Amino acid sequence: MIVLTRLNGQPFVLNADLIRTIEQTPDTTISLTTGERIVVSESLREVVDRAIDYARVIRQPAFASG
């Protein structure tokens, strides 16, 4: 999950696994696998970086206790 901001300033949480495409024309528009489109105030690069960070965190192996 990544935290983003709608153009009206409202923060929201997006499941990054649902991102299909991201465009910046000039506003950043995220197209989801559900067909929904969301416009956010973050730049394309910020959204990509957050999605990559999210993927790294969820794909880390769990620490083994012992």
C-alpha atoms as a PDB file:
ATOM      1  CA  MET A   1       0.000   0.000   0.000  1.00  0.00           C
ATOM      2  CA  ILE A   2       1.270   3.468  -0.848  1.00  0.00           C
ATOM      3  CA  VAL A   3       0.079   6.843   0.432  1.00  0.00           C
ATOM      4  CA  LEU A   4      -0.780   9.377  -2.280  1.00  0.00           C
ATOM      5  CA  THR A   5      -2.595  12.720  -2.432  1.00  0.00           C
ATOM      6  CA  ARG A   6      -5.632  13.614  -4.519  1.00  0.00           C
ATOM      7  CA  LEU A   7      -5.585  16.999  -6.265  1.00  0.00           C
ATOM      8  CA  ASN A   8      -7.896  18.396  -3.562  1.00  0.00           C
ATOM      9  CA  GLY A   9      -5.210  17.664  -0.939  1.00  0.00           C
ATOM     10  CA  GLN A  10      -6.859  14.563   0.535  1.00  0.00           C
ATOM     11  CA  PRO A  11      -4.398  11.749   1.259  1.00  0.00           C
ATOM     12  CA  PHE A  12      -5.439   8.183   0.467  1.00  0.00           C
ATOM     13  CA  VAL A  13      -3.892   4.736   0.392  1.00  0.00           C
ATOM     14  CA  LEU A  14      -3.612   2.807  -2.867  1.00  0.00           C
ATOM     15  CA  ASN A  15      -2.865  -0.872  -3.322  1.00  0.00           C
ATOM     16  CA  ALA A  16       0.191  -0.569  -5.580  1.00  0.00           C
ATOM     17  CA  ASP A  17      -0.456  -4.048  -6.988  1.00  0.00           C
ATOM     18  CA  LEU A  18      -3.463  -2.595  -8.826  1.00  0.00           C
ATOM     19  CA  ILE A  19      -1.416  -0.075 -10.841  1.00  0.00           C
ATOM     20  CA  ARG A  20      -1.517  -0.782 -14.560  1.00  0.00           C
ATOM     21  CA  THR A  21      -0.046   2.447 -15.976  1.00  0.00           C
ATOM     22  CA  ILE A  22       1.071   5.881 -14.766  1.00  0.00           C
ATOM     23  CA  GLU A  23       1.037   8.944 -17.034  1.00  0.00           C
ATOM     24  CA  GLN A  24       2.029  12.569 -16.487  1.00  0.00           C
ATOM     25  CA  THR A  25       0.090  14.827 -18.889  1.00  0.00           C
ATOM     26  CA  PRO A  26       0.669  17.263 -16.967  1.00  0.00           C
ATOM     27  CA  ASP A  27      -1.179  15.855 -13.931  1.00  0.00           C
ATOM     28  CA  THR A  28      -0.152  12.384 -12.834  1.00  0.00           C
ATOM     29  CA  THR A  29      -2.885   9.916 -13.759  1.00  0.00           C
ATOM     30  CA  ILE A  30      -2.828   6.339 -12.484  1.00  0.00           C
ATOM     31  CA  SER A  31      -4.786   3.687 -14.374  1.00  0.00           C
ATOM     32  CA  LEU A  32      -5.703   0.646 -12.315  1.00  0.00           C
ATOM     33  CA  THR A  33      -6.298  -2.935 -13.352  1.00  0.00           C
ATOM     34  CA  THR A  34      -9.943  -2.352 -12.320  1.00  0.00           C
ATOM     35  CA  GLY A  35     -10.360   0.280 -15.063  1.00  0.00           C
ATOM     36  CA  GLU A  36     -10.482   3.161 -12.565  1.00  0.00           C
ATOM     37  CA  ARG A  37      -8.315   6.236 -13.189  1.00  0.00           C
ATOM     38  CA  ILE A  38      -7.004   8.371 -10.336  1.00  0.00           C
ATOM     39  CA  VAL A  39      -5.334  11.792 -10.626  1.00  0.00           C
ATOM     40  CA  VAL A  40      -2.774  12.573  -7.913  1.00  0.00           C
ATOM     41  CA  SER A  41      -0.575  15.525  -6.968  1.00  0.00           C
ATOM     42  CA  GLU A  42       2.636  13.463  -6.787  1.00  0.00           C
ATOM     43  CA  SER A  43       4.926  13.321  -9.808  1.00  0.00           C
ATOM     44  CA  LEU A  44       5.183  10.216 -11.951  1.00  0.00           C
ATOM     45  CA  ARG A  45       8.654   9.552 -10.479  1.00  0.00           C
ATOM     46  CA  GLU A  46       7.338   9.807  -6.885  1.00  0.00           C
ATOM     47  CA  VAL A  47       4.568   7.285  -7.575  1.00  0.00           C
ATOM     48  CA  VAL A  48       6.999   4.890  -9.259  1.00  0.00           C
ATOM     49  CA  ASP A  49       9.497   5.207  -6.389  1.00  0.00           C
ATOM     50  CA  ARG A  50       6.793   4.520  -3.785  1.00  0.00           C
ATOM     51  CA  ALA A  51       5.518   1.507  -5.725  1.00  0.00           C
ATOM     52  CA  ILE A  52       9.059   0.116  -5.982  1.00  0.00           C
ATOM     53  CA  ASP A  53       9.672   0.658  -2.260  1.00  0.00           C
ATOM     54  CA  TYR A  54       6.378  -1.087  -1.490  1.00  0.00           C
ATOM     55  CA  ALA A  55       7.317  -4.056  -3.687  1.00  0.00           C
ATOM     56  CA  ARG A  56      10.696  -4.373  -1.986  1.00  0.00           C
ATOM     57  CA  VAL A  57       9.115  -4.408   1.470  1.00  0.00           C
ATOM     58  CA  ILE A  58       6.472  -7.033   0.730  1.00  0.00           C
ATOM     59  CA  ARG A  59       8.894  -9.286  -1.100  1.00  0.00           C
ATOM     60  CA  GLN A  60      11.494  -9.359   1.679  1.00  0.00           C
ATOM     61  CA  PRO A  61      11.876 -12.765   3.279  1.00  0.00           C
ATOM     62  CA  ALA A  62      10.641 -12.958   6.843  1.00  0.00           C
ATOM     63  CA  PHE A  63      13.334 -12.974   9.486  1.00  0.00           C
ATOM     64  CA  ALA A  64      13.843 -16.435  10.930  1.00  0.00           C
ATOM     65  CA  SER A  65      13.882 -16.605  14.686  1.00  0.00           C
ATOM     66  CA  GLY A  66      16.203 -18.942  16.366  1.00  0.00           C
END
